[in-house]
PDB file of N, CA and C in Angstrom:
ATOM      1  N   MET A   1      19.592  -9.980  30.160  1.00  0.00           N
ATOM      2  CA  MET A   1      19.935  -9.614  29.009  1.00  0.00           C
ATOM      3  C   MET A   1      20.739  -8.017  29.092  1.00  0.00           C
ATOM      4  N   SER A   2      21.261  -8.073  28.300  1.00  0.00           N
ATOM      5  CA  SER A   2      22.332  -7.124  28.729  1.00  0.00           C
ATOM      6  C   SER A   2      21.583  -5.590  27.801  1.00  0.00           C
ATOM      7  N   TYR A   3      21.632  -4.705  28.461  1.00  0.00           N
ATOM      8  CA  TYR A   3      21.235  -3.371  27.878  1.00  0.00           C
ATOM      9  C   TYR A   3      21.637  -3.108  26.653  1.00  0.00           C
ATOM     10  N   ARG A   4      22.868  -3.458  26.634  1.00  0.00           N
ATOM     11  CA  ARG A   4      23.214  -3.421  24.831  1.00  0.00           C
ATOM     12  C   ARG A   4      22.577  -4.112  23.984  1.00  0.00           C
ATOM     13  N   LEU A   5      22.262  -5.445  24.242  1.00  0.00           N
ATOM     14  CA  LEU A   5      20.988  -5.993  23.309  1.00  0.00           C
ATOM     15  C   LEU A   5      20.025  -5.566  23.463  1.00  0.00           C
ATOM     16  N   GLU A   6      19.409  -5.057  24.643  1.00  0.00           N
ATOM     17  CA  GLU A   6      18.003  -4.421  24.766  1.00  0.00           C
ATOM     18  C   GLU A   6      18.224  -3.534  23.887  1.00  0.00           C
ATOM     19  N   LYS A   7      18.932  -2.078  24.185  1.00  0.00           N
ATOM     20  CA  LYS A   7      19.036  -1.472  22.805  1.00  0.00           C
ATOM     21  C   LYS A   7      18.801  -1.582  21.339  1.00  0.00           C
ATOM     22  N   ILE A   8      19.877  -2.319  20.841  1.00  0.00           N
ATOM     23  CA  ILE A   8      19.472  -2.635  19.496  1.00  0.00           C
ATOM     24  C   ILE A   8      18.865  -3.760  19.205  1.00  0.00           C
ATOM     25  N   ASN A   9      17.544  -4.923  19.847  1.00  0.00           N
ATOM     26  CA  ASN A   9      16.406  -5.420  19.772  1.00  0.00           C
ATOM     27  C   ASN A   9      15.001  -4.067  19.937  1.00  0.00           C
ATOM     28  N   GLU A  10      15.217  -2.907  20.778  1.00  0.00           N
ATOM     29  CA  GLU A  10      14.470  -1.993  20.398  1.00  0.00           C
ATOM     30  C   GLU A  10      14.813  -1.170  18.916  1.00  0.00           C
ATOM     31  N   LEU A  11      15.993  -1.083  18.685  1.00  0.00           N
ATOM     32  CA  LEU A  11      16.257  -0.519  17.553  1.00  0.00           C
ATOM     33  C   LEU A  11      16.004  -0.954  16.527  1.00  0.00           C
ATOM     34  N   ILE A  12      15.687  -2.640  16.158  1.00  0.00           N
ATOM     35  CA  ILE A  12      15.758  -2.975  14.859  1.00  0.00           C
ATOM     36  C   ILE A  12      14.131  -3.316  14.973  1.00  0.00           C
ATOM     37  N   ARG A  13      13.733  -3.119  15.936  1.00  0.00           N
ATOM     38  CA  ARG A  13      11.960  -3.636  16.044  1.00  0.00           C
ATOM     39  C   ARG A  13      11.431  -1.873  15.459  1.00  0.00           C
ATOM     40  N   GLN A  14      12.116  -0.832  15.369  1.00  0.00           N
ATOM     41  CA  GLN A  14      11.771   0.815  15.082  1.00  0.00           C
ATOM     42  C   GLN A  14      12.288   0.702  13.798  1.00  0.00           C
ATOM     43  N   LYS A  15      13.402   0.429  13.576  1.00  0.00           N
ATOM     44  CA  LYS A  15      13.259   0.381  12.185  1.00  0.00           C
ATOM     45  C   LYS A  15      12.894  -0.473  11.393  1.00  0.00           C
ATOM     46  N   LEU A  16      12.670  -1.775  11.543  1.00  0.00           N
ATOM     47  CA  LEU A  16      12.527  -2.736  10.739  1.00  0.00           C
ATOM     48  C   LEU A  16      10.152  -2.481  10.317  1.00  0.00           C
ATOM     49  N   SER A  17      10.482  -1.875  11.188  1.00  0.00           N
ATOM     50  CA  SER A  17       8.293  -1.488  11.514  1.00  0.00           C
ATOM     51  C   SER A  17       8.430  -0.482  10.412  1.00  0.00           C
ATOM     52  N   ILE A  18       9.665   0.122  10.556  1.00  0.00           N
ATOM     53  CA  ILE A  18       9.067   1.697   9.321  1.00  0.00           C
ATOM     54  C   ILE A  18       9.782   0.996   7.658  1.00  0.00           C
ATOM     55  N   ILE A  19      10.377  -0.125   7.791  1.00  0.00           N
ATOM     56  CA  ILE A  19      11.055  -0.470   6.070  1.00  0.00           C
ATOM     57  C   ILE A  19       9.795  -1.189   5.828  1.00  0.00           C
ATOM     58  N   ILE A  20       8.831  -2.056   6.293  1.00  0.00           N
ATOM     59  CA  ILE A  20       7.851  -3.159   6.161  1.00  0.00           C
ATOM     60  C   ILE A  20       6.656  -1.904   5.974  1.00  0.00           C
ATOM     61  N   ARG A  21       6.251  -1.094   6.143  1.00  0.00           N
ATOM     62  CA  ARG A  21       5.125  -0.263   5.898  1.00  0.00           C
ATOM     63  C   ARG A  21       5.836   0.215   4.828  1.00  0.00           C
ATOM     64  N   LYS A  22       6.968   0.741   4.929  1.00  0.00           N
ATOM     65  CA  LYS A  22       7.156   1.557   3.569  1.00  0.00           C
ATOM     66  C   LYS A  22       7.615   0.736   2.310  1.00  0.00           C
ATOM     67  N   GLU A  23       8.065  -0.746   2.706  1.00  0.00           N
ATOM     68  CA  GLU A  23       8.774  -1.436   0.836  1.00  0.00           C
ATOM     69  C   GLU A  23       7.686  -2.463   1.238  1.00  0.00           C
ATOM     70  N   LEU A  24       6.392  -2.831   1.754  1.00  0.00           N
ATOM     71  CA  LEU A  24       5.719  -4.492   1.240  1.00  0.00           C
ATOM     72  C   LEU A  24       4.550  -4.036   1.763  1.00  0.00           C
ATOM     73  N   GLU A  25       3.841  -5.117   0.770  1.00  0.00           N
ATOM     74  CA  GLU A  25       2.507  -4.641   0.845  1.00  0.00           C
ATOM     75  C   GLU A  25       1.487  -5.750   0.792  1.00  0.00           C
ATOM     76  N   PHE A  26       1.003  -5.664   2.007  1.00  0.00           N
ATOM     77  CA  PHE A  26      -0.041  -6.398   2.173  1.00  0.00           C
ATOM     78  C   PHE A  26      -1.196  -6.955   2.448  1.00  0.00           C
ATOM     79  N   PRO A  27      -2.560  -7.407   2.499  1.00  0.00           N
ATOM     80  CA  PRO A  27      -4.122  -7.804   1.979  1.00  0.00           C
ATOM     81  C   PRO A  27      -4.521  -6.318   2.780  1.00  0.00           C
ATOM     82  N   GLN A  28      -5.423  -5.371   2.201  1.00  0.00           N
ATOM     83  CA  GLN A  28      -6.036  -4.558   2.550  1.00  0.00           C
ATOM     84  C   GLN A  28      -6.305  -4.540   3.780  1.00  0.00           C
ATOM     85  N   SER A  29      -6.529  -5.338   4.205  1.00  0.00           N
ATOM     86  CA  SER A  29      -7.907  -5.311   5.704  1.00  0.00           C
ATOM     87  C   SER A  29      -6.925  -5.834   6.789  1.00  0.00           C
ATOM     88  N   SER A  30      -5.172  -5.908   6.435  1.00  0.00           N
ATOM     89  CA  SER A  30      -4.587  -6.725   7.448  1.00  0.00           C
ATOM     90  C   SER A  30      -3.973  -5.478   8.307  1.00  0.00           C
ATOM     91  N   LEU A  31      -3.736  -5.940   9.775  1.00  0.00           N
ATOM     92  CA  LEU A  31      -2.678  -5.116  10.356  1.00  0.00           C
ATOM     93  C   LEU A  31      -1.447  -5.734  10.728  1.00  0.00           C
ATOM     94  N   LEU A  32      -0.248  -5.477  10.346  1.00  0.00           N
ATOM     95  CA  LEU A  32       0.662  -6.263  10.750  1.00  0.00           C
ATOM     96  C   LEU A  32       1.732  -5.466  12.589  1.00  0.00           C
ATOM     97  N   THR A  33       1.699  -5.966  13.222  1.00  0.00           N
ATOM     98  CA  THR A  33       2.496  -5.478  14.410  1.00  0.00           C
ATOM     99  C   THR A  33       3.763  -6.358  14.520  1.00  0.00           C
ATOM    100  N   ILE A  34       4.794  -5.763  14.404  1.00  0.00           N
ATOM    101  CA  ILE A  34       5.856  -5.714  15.645  1.00  0.00           C
ATOM    102  C   ILE A  34       5.700  -5.740  16.963  1.00  0.00           C
ATOM    103  N   THR A  35       5.577  -7.194  17.468  1.00  0.00           N
ATOM    104  CA  THR A  35       5.901  -6.826  18.912  1.00  0.00           C
ATOM    105  C   THR A  35       6.509  -6.891  19.780  1.00  0.00           C
ATOM    106  N   LYS A  36       7.832  -7.397  19.504  1.00  0.00           N
ATOM    107  CA  LYS A  36       9.217  -7.822  20.638  1.00  0.00           C
ATOM    108  C   LYS A  36      10.431  -8.502  19.364  1.00  0.00           C
ATOM    109  N   VAL A  37      11.430  -7.782  19.380  1.00  0.00           N
ATOM    110  CA  VAL A  37      12.522  -8.807  18.881  1.00  0.00           C
ATOM    111  C   VAL A  37      13.173  -9.856  19.708  1.00  0.00           C
ATOM    112  N   GLU A  38      13.778 -10.333  19.781  1.00  0.00           N
ATOM    113  CA  GLU A  38      15.009 -11.050  20.403  1.00  0.00           C
ATOM    114  C   GLU A  38      16.400 -11.403  19.472  1.00  0.00           C
ATOM    115  N   THR A  39      17.779 -10.830  19.600  1.00  0.00           N
ATOM    116  CA  THR A  39      18.717 -11.059  18.589  1.00  0.00           C
ATOM    117  C   THR A  39      19.825 -11.723  19.359  1.00  0.00           C
ATOM    118  N   SER A  40      20.301 -12.665  19.400  1.00  0.00           N
ATOM    119  CA  SER A  40      21.564 -13.762  20.012  1.00  0.00           C
ATOM    120  C   SER A  40      22.148 -12.456  20.578  1.00  0.00           C
ATOM    121  N   PRO A  41      23.458 -13.265  21.170  1.00  0.00           N
ATOM    122  CA  PRO A  41      24.082 -12.185  21.666  1.00  0.00           C
ATOM    123  C   PRO A  41      25.006 -11.963  20.729  1.00  0.00           C
ATOM    124  N   ASP A  42      25.543 -12.681  19.679  1.00  0.00           N
ATOM    125  CA  ASP A  42      27.020 -12.451  18.858  1.00  0.00           C
ATOM    126  C   ASP A  42      26.079 -11.350  17.703  1.00  0.00           C
ATOM    127  N   LEU A  43      24.889 -11.246  17.851  1.00  0.00           N
ATOM    128  CA  LEU A  43      23.908 -10.621  16.507  1.00  0.00           C
ATOM    129  C   LEU A  43      23.716 -10.866  15.105  1.00  0.00           C
ATOM    130  N   LYS A  44      24.113 -12.405  15.243  1.00  0.00           N
ATOM    131  CA  LYS A  44      23.703 -12.879  13.479  1.00  0.00           C
ATOM    132  C   LYS A  44      22.684 -13.655  13.884  1.00  0.00           C
ATOM    133  N   PHE A  45      21.648 -13.742  14.534  1.00  0.00           N
ATOM    134  CA  PHE A  45      20.727 -14.364  14.131  1.00  0.00           C
ATOM    135  C   PHE A  45      18.600 -13.203  15.200  1.00  0.00           C
ATOM    136  N   CYS A  46      18.580 -13.216  14.773  1.00  0.00           N
ATOM    137  CA  CYS A  46      16.712 -12.559  15.054  1.00  0.00           C
ATOM    138  C   CYS A  46      15.344 -13.341  15.087  1.00  0.00           C
ATOM    139  N   LYS A  47      14.810 -13.342  16.287  1.00  0.00           N
ATOM    140  CA  LYS A  47      13.442 -13.629  16.380  1.00  0.00           C
ATOM    141  C   LYS A  47      12.794 -12.777  16.351  1.00  0.00           C
ATOM    142  N   VAL A  48      11.813 -12.225  15.348  1.00  0.00           N
ATOM    143  CA  VAL A  48      11.087 -11.091  14.949  1.00  0.00           C
ATOM    144  C   VAL A  48       9.675 -11.808  15.431  1.00  0.00           C
ATOM    145  N   PHE A  49       9.453 -11.602  16.103  1.00  0.00           N
ATOM    146  CA  PHE A  49       7.289 -11.833  16.675  1.00  0.00           C
ATOM    147  C   PHE A  49       7.114 -10.894  16.120  1.00  0.00           C
ATOM    148  N   ILE A  50       5.770 -11.254  15.463  1.00  0.00           N
ATOM    149  CA  ILE A  50       4.201  -9.700  15.151  1.00  0.00           C
ATOM    150  C   ILE A  50       3.300 -10.744  15.400  1.00  0.00           C
ATOM    151  N   THR A  51       2.381 -10.036  15.703  1.00  0.00           N
ATOM    152  CA  THR A  51       0.903 -10.462  15.779  1.00  0.00           C
ATOM    153  C   THR A  51       0.230  -9.687  14.367  1.00  0.00           C
ATOM    154  N   VAL A  52      -0.844 -10.822  13.432  1.00  0.00           N
ATOM    155  CA  VAL A  52      -1.692 -10.198  12.487  1.00  0.00           C
ATOM    156  C   VAL A  52      -2.808  -9.964  12.269  1.00  0.00           C
ATOM    157  N   LEU A  53      -3.670  -9.260  12.014  1.00  0.00           N
ATOM    158  CA  LEU A  53      -5.173  -9.192  12.461  1.00  0.00           C
ATOM    159  C   LEU A  53      -5.510  -8.759  11.552  1.00  0.00           C
ATOM    160  N   PRO A  54      -6.906  -9.282  11.044  1.00  0.00           N
ATOM    161  CA  PRO A  54      -7.584 -10.476  11.442  1.00  0.00           C
ATOM    162  C   PRO A  54      -6.629 -11.587  11.215  1.00  0.00           C
ATOM    163  N   GLU A  55      -6.993 -12.832  12.414  1.00  0.00           N
ATOM    164  CA  GLU A  55      -5.922 -13.866  12.159  1.00  0.00           C
ATOM    165  C   GLU A  55      -5.561 -14.733  10.988  1.00  0.00           C
ATOM    166  N   HIS A  56      -6.992 -14.970   9.806  1.00  0.00           N
ATOM    167  CA  HIS A  56      -6.696 -15.571   8.492  1.00  0.00           C
ATOM    168  C   HIS A  56      -5.476 -15.172   7.476  1.00  0.00           C
ATOM    169  N   TYR A  57      -5.006 -13.700   7.999  1.00  0.00           N
ATOM    170  CA  TYR A  57      -3.776 -13.141   7.204  1.00  0.00           C
ATOM    171  C   TYR A  57      -2.868 -13.441   7.785  1.00  0.00           C
ATOM    172  N   ARG A  58      -2.972 -14.593   8.700  1.00  0.00           N
ATOM    173  CA  ARG A  58      -1.320 -14.742   9.634  1.00  0.00           C
ATOM    174  C   ARG A  58      -0.789 -15.470   8.243  1.00  0.00           C
ATOM    175  N   GLY A  59      -0.867 -16.644   7.761  1.00  0.00           N
ATOM    176  CA  GLY A  59      -0.163 -17.596   6.604  1.00  0.00           C
ATOM    177  C   GLY A  59       0.414 -16.214   5.289  1.00  0.00           C
ATOM    178  N   THR A  60      -1.050 -15.611   4.959  1.00  0.00           N
ATOM    179  CA  THR A  60       0.048 -14.990   4.114  1.00  0.00           C
ATOM    180  C   THR A  60       1.160 -13.961   4.221  1.00  0.00           C
ATOM    181  N   THR A  61       1.053 -13.523   5.261  1.00  0.00           N
ATOM    182  CA  THR A  61       2.091 -12.255   5.705  1.00  0.00           C
ATOM    183  C   THR A  61       2.985 -13.339   5.992  1.00  0.00           C
ATOM    184  N   LEU A  62       2.950 -13.808   6.678  1.00  0.00           N
ATOM    185  CA  LEU A  62       4.574 -14.453   7.044  1.00  0.00           C
ATOM    186  C   LEU A  62       4.768 -15.187   5.813  1.00  0.00           C
ATOM    187  N   GLU A  63       4.125 -15.330   4.899  1.00  0.00           N
ATOM    188  CA  GLU A  63       4.547 -15.859   3.597  1.00  0.00           C
ATOM    189  C   GLU A  63       5.623 -14.670   3.113  1.00  0.00           C
ATOM    190  N   ILE A  64       4.848 -13.452   2.507  1.00  0.00           N
ATOM    191  CA  ILE A  64       5.393 -12.357   2.370  1.00  0.00           C
ATOM    192  C   ILE A  64       6.932 -11.763   3.261  1.00  0.00           C
ATOM    193  N   LEU A  65       7.050 -11.493   4.496  1.00  0.00           N
ATOM    194  CA  LEU A  65       7.736 -11.607   5.439  1.00  0.00           C
ATOM    195  C   LEU A  65       8.918 -12.367   4.704  1.00  0.00           C
ATOM    196  N   ARG A  66       8.992 -13.881   4.606  1.00  0.00           N
ATOM    197  CA  ARG A  66       9.854 -14.066   4.352  1.00  0.00           C
ATOM    198  C   ARG A  66      10.350 -14.814   3.154  1.00  0.00           C
ATOM    199  N   LYS A  67       9.517 -14.137   2.067  1.00  0.00           N
ATOM    200  CA  LYS A  67      10.454 -13.667   0.589  1.00  0.00           C
ATOM    201  C   LYS A  67      10.715 -12.352   0.840  1.00  0.00           C
ATOM    202  N   ASN A  68      10.300 -11.468   1.104  1.00  0.00           N
ATOM    203  CA  ASN A  68      11.484 -10.354   1.488  1.00  0.00           C
ATOM    204  C   ASN A  68      12.073 -10.401   2.509  1.00  0.00           C
ATOM    205  N   ARG A  69      13.076 -11.568   3.434  1.00  0.00           N
ATOM    206  CA  ARG A  69      13.936 -11.369   4.656  1.00  0.00           C
ATOM    207  C   ARG A  69      15.233 -10.954   3.997  1.00  0.00           C
ATOM    208  N   SER A  70      15.556 -11.351   2.561  1.00  0.00           N
ATOM    209  CA  SER A  70      17.157 -10.699   2.200  1.00  0.00           C
ATOM    210  C   SER A  70      16.886  -9.027   1.817  1.00  0.00           C
ATOM    211  N   ASN A  71      15.871  -8.979   1.453  1.00  0.00           N
ATOM    212  CA  ASN A  71      15.671  -7.069   0.484  1.00  0.00           C
ATOM    213  C   ASN A  71      15.662  -6.802   2.350  1.00  0.00           C
ATOM    214  N   LEU A  72      15.026  -6.818   3.399  1.00  0.00           N
ATOM    215  CA  LEU A  72      14.890  -6.200   4.850  1.00  0.00           C
ATOM    216  C   LEU A  72      15.808  -5.788   5.321  1.00  0.00           C
ATOM    217  N   ARG A  73      16.717  -7.202   5.235  1.00  0.00           N
ATOM    218  CA  ARG A  73      17.839  -7.108   5.495  1.00  0.00           C
ATOM    219  C   ARG A  73      18.738  -5.880   4.766  1.00  0.00           C
ATOM    220  N   LYS A  74      18.795  -5.703   3.599  1.00  0.00           N
ATOM    221  CA  LYS A  74      19.802  -4.882   3.164  1.00  0.00           C
ATOM    222  C   LYS A  74      19.264  -3.914   3.381  1.00  0.00           C
ATOM    223  N   LEU A  75      18.045  -3.444   3.656  1.00  0.00           N
ATOM    224  CA  LEU A  75      17.196  -2.099   3.415  1.00  0.00           C
ATOM    225  C   LEU A  75      17.783  -1.277   5.192  1.00  0.00           C
ATOM    226  N   LEU A  76      17.614  -2.493   5.694  1.00  0.00           N
ATOM    227  CA  LEU A  76      18.265  -2.157   7.630  1.00  0.00           C
ATOM    228  C   LEU A  76      19.295  -2.295   7.366  1.00  0.00           C
ATOM    229  N   GLN A  77      20.024  -2.665   6.544  1.00  0.00           N
ATOM    230  CA  GLN A  77      21.888  -2.431   7.351  1.00  0.00           C
ATOM    231  C   GLN A  77      21.981  -0.448   6.807  1.00  0.00           C
ATOM    232  N   LYS A  78      21.170  -0.346   5.678  1.00  0.00           N
ATOM    233  CA  LYS A  78      21.296   1.068   4.948  1.00  0.00           C
ATOM    234  C   LYS A  78      21.190   1.705   6.515  1.00  0.00           C
ATOM    235  N   GLU A  79      20.256   1.364   6.968  1.00  0.00           N
ATOM    236  CA  GLU A  79      19.507   2.111   8.279  1.00  0.00           C
ATOM    237  C   GLU A  79      20.015   2.015   9.515  1.00  0.00           C
ATOM    238  N   MET A  80      21.021   1.326  10.188  1.00  0.00           N
ATOM    239  CA  MET A  80      21.931   1.030  11.314  1.00  0.00           C
ATOM    240  C   MET A  80      23.532   0.774  11.002  1.00  0.00           C
ATOM    241  N   THR A  81      23.754   0.804  11.893  1.00  0.00           N
ATOM    242  CA  THR A  81      25.363   1.418  11.467  1.00  0.00           C
ATOM    243  C   THR A  81      26.064   0.049  12.637  1.00  0.00           C
ATOM    244  N   THR A  82      26.118  -1.205  13.272  1.00  0.00           N
ATOM    245  CA  THR A  82      25.940  -1.891  13.882  1.00  0.00           C
ATOM    246  C   THR A  82      27.014  -2.541  12.752  1.00  0.00           C
ATOM    247  N   LYS A  83      28.037  -3.545  14.006  1.00  0.00           N
ATOM    248  CA  LYS A  83      28.727  -4.659  12.426  1.00  0.00           C
ATOM    249  C   LYS A  83      28.161  -5.501  11.653  1.00  0.00           C
ATOM    250  N   PHE A  84      26.615  -6.267  12.059  1.00  0.00           N
ATOM    251  CA  PHE A  84      26.415  -7.204  12.454  1.00  0.00           C
ATOM    252  C   PHE A  84      25.195  -6.920  11.426  1.00  0.00           C
ATOM    253  N   ILE A  85      24.477  -7.241  11.057  1.00  0.00           N
ATOM    254  CA  ILE A  85      23.040  -6.954  10.393  1.00  0.00           C
ATOM    255  C   ILE A  85      22.616  -8.425  10.453  1.00  0.00           C
ATOM    256  N   PRO A  86      21.980  -8.966  11.759  1.00  0.00           N
ATOM    257  CA  PRO A  86      20.890 -10.250  11.975  1.00  0.00           C
ATOM    258  C   PRO A  86      20.173 -10.651  10.528  1.00  0.00           C
ATOM    259  N   ASN A  87      20.303 -12.158  10.717  1.00  0.00           N
ATOM    260  CA  ASN A  87      19.489 -12.776   9.637  1.00  0.00           C
ATOM    261  C   ASN A  87      18.272 -13.161  10.728  1.00  0.00           C
ATOM    262  N   PHE A  88      17.063 -12.772  10.037  1.00  0.00           N
ATOM    263  CA  PHE A  88      15.732 -12.486  10.188  1.00  0.00           C
ATOM    264  C   PHE A  88      14.646 -14.021  10.429  1.00  0.00           C
ATOM    265  N   ASN A  89      14.303 -14.205  11.078  1.00  0.00           N
ATOM    266  CA  ASN A  89      13.565 -15.305  11.348  1.00  0.00           C
ATOM    267  C   ASN A  89      11.853 -14.722  12.299  1.00  0.00           C
ATOM    268  N   PHE A  90      10.594 -14.641  11.239  1.00  0.00           N
ATOM    269  CA  PHE A  90       9.581 -14.090  11.712  1.00  0.00           C
ATOM    270  C   PHE A  90       8.282 -15.052  12.318  1.00  0.00           C
ATOM    271  N   LEU A  91       8.687 -14.673  12.829  1.00  0.00           N
ATOM    272  CA  LEU A  91       7.520 -15.890  14.332  1.00  0.00           C
ATOM    273  C   LEU A  91       5.823 -15.024  14.242  1.00  0.00           C
ATOM    274  N   ILE A  92       4.858 -15.847  15.004  1.00  0.00           N
ATOM    275  CA  ILE A  92       3.849 -15.637  15.475  1.00  0.00           C
ATOM    276  C   ILE A  92       3.954 -15.403  17.008  1.00  0.00           C
ATOM    277  N   ASP A  93       3.920 -14.143  17.573  1.00  0.00           N
ATOM    278  CA  ASP A  93       3.464 -13.845  18.754  1.00  0.00           C
ATOM    279  C   ASP A  93       2.888 -14.564  19.761  1.00  0.00           C
ATOM    280  N   GLU A  94       2.640 -15.608  19.911  1.00  0.00           N
ATOM    281  CA  GLU A  94       1.824 -17.157  20.460  1.00  0.00           C
ATOM    282  C   GLU A  94       1.026 -16.294  21.884  1.00  0.00           C
ATOM    283  N   GLN A  95       1.719 -15.139  22.894  1.00  0.00           N
ATOM    284  CA  GLN A  95       1.705 -14.524  24.068  1.00  0.00           C
ATOM    285  C   GLN A  95       0.253 -14.066  23.212  1.00  0.00           C
ATOM    286  N   GLU A  96       0.096 -13.158  22.529  1.00  0.00           N
ATOM    287  CA  GLU A  96      -0.562 -12.439  22.038  1.00  0.00           C
ATOM    288  C   GLU A  96      -2.202 -13.337  21.567  1.00  0.00           C
ATOM    289  N   VAL A  97      -1.884 -14.695  20.984  1.00  0.00           N
ATOM    290  CA  VAL A  97      -3.106 -14.997  20.605  1.00  0.00           C
ATOM    291  C   VAL A  97      -3.639 -16.177  22.080  1.00  0.00           C
ATOM    292  N   PHE A  98      -2.589 -16.708  22.855  1.00  0.00           N
ATOM    293  CA  PHE A  98      -2.916 -16.904  24.032  1.00  0.00           C
ATOM    294  C   PHE A  98      -3.578 -15.884  25.139  1.00  0.00           C
ATOM    295  N   ALA A  99      -3.523 -14.700  24.973  1.00  0.00           N
ATOM    296  CA  ALA A  99      -4.138 -13.312  25.481  1.00  0.00           C
ATOM    297  C   ALA A  99      -5.500 -12.802  25.656  1.00  0.00           C
ATOM    298  N   THR A 100      -5.444 -13.452  23.851  1.00  0.00           N
ATOM    299  CA  THR A 100      -6.736 -13.490  23.414  1.00  0.00           C
ATOM    300  C   THR A 100      -8.003 -13.947  23.677  1.00  0.00           C
ATOM    301  N   GLU A 101      -7.387 -15.380  23.945  1.00  0.00           N
ATOM    302  CA  GLU A 101      -8.130 -16.441  24.313  1.00  0.00           C
ATOM    303  C   GLU A 101      -8.595 -16.963  25.756  1.00  0.00           C
ATOM    304  N   VAL A 102      -7.350 -15.867  26.704  1.00  0.00           N
ATOM    305  CA  VAL A 102      -8.109 -15.716  28.121  1.00  0.00           C
ATOM    306  C   VAL A 102      -8.629 -14.910  28.100  1.00  0.00           C
ATOM    307  N   ASP A 103      -9.095 -13.355  26.851  1.00  0.00           N
ATOM    308  CA  ASP A 103     -10.191 -12.764  27.599  1.00  0.00           C
ATOM    309  C   ASP A 103     -11.733 -13.122  27.030  1.00  0.00           C
ATOM    310  N   LYS A 104     -11.293 -14.409  26.040  1.00  0.00           N
ATOM    311  CA  LYS A 104     -13.000 -14.771  25.299  1.00  0.00           C
ATOM    312  C   LYS A 104     -12.856 -15.441  26.813  1.00  0.00           C
ATOM    313  N   LEU A 105     -12.489 -16.237  26.929  1.00  0.00           N
ATOM    314  CA  LEU A 105     -12.973 -17.233  28.346  1.00  0.00           C
ATOM    315  C   LEU A 105     -13.132 -15.915  29.660  1.00  0.00           C
ATOM    316  N   LEU A 106     -12.502 -15.417  29.728  1.00  0.00           N
ATOM    317  CA  LEU A 106     -12.817 -14.343  30.984  1.00  0.00           C
ATOM    318  C   LEU A 106     -14.338 -13.365  30.964  1.00  0.00           C
ATOM    319  N   ASP A 107     -14.770 -13.580  29.837  1.00  0.00           N
ATOM    320  CA  ASP A 107     -15.892 -12.371  28.888  1.00  0.00           C
ATOM    321  C   ASP A 107     -17.148 -13.926  29.074  1.00  0.00           C
ATOM    322  N   GLU A 108     -16.822 -14.905  28.725  1.00  0.00           N
ATOM    323  CA  GLU A 108     -18.400 -15.619  28.689  1.00  0.00           C
ATOM    324  C   GLU A 108     -18.338 -15.927  30.731  1.00  0.00           C
ATOM    325  N   ILE A 109     -17.412 -15.953  30.994  1.00  0.00           N
ATOM    326  CA  ILE A 109     -17.481 -16.226  32.776  1.00  0.00           C
ATOM    327  C   ILE A 109     -18.277 -15.212  33.049  1.00  0.00           C
ATOM    328  N   ASN A 110     -17.859 -13.754  33.053  1.00  0.00           N
ATOM    329  CA  ASN A 110     -18.652 -12.699  33.318  1.00  0.00           C
ATOM    330  C   ASN A 110     -20.080 -12.833  32.620  1.00  0.00           C
ATOM    331  N   LYS A 111     -20.573 -13.366  32.060  1.00  0.00           N
ATOM    332  CA  LYS A 111     -21.880 -13.434  31.450  1.00  0.00           C
ATOM    333  C   LYS A 111     -23.339 -13.984  32.067  1.00  0.00           C
TER     334      LYS A 111
END
């Protein structure tokens, strides 16, 4: 991955995190974190990986994000000066889920 694309991914992650925090309402006791962003080289598409705690709010959170996708894109366009603002695809970060399962297994082994 090019240095430019890495910088754009990080910029999108930071700006989108701020916009989501300000603009969207999620269930009261839930926590949303954008773990990483992967943008296509042509800057047309973007995968946004998230983690949601507690886990039973994942479906609700993804539904809220997907419903507000176009609005988030418009708000991000105001914050960035790139020629293209990518279309978002929100996904659950499975690496976090896998790491949690490994931690549980290690705790069971140590007992």
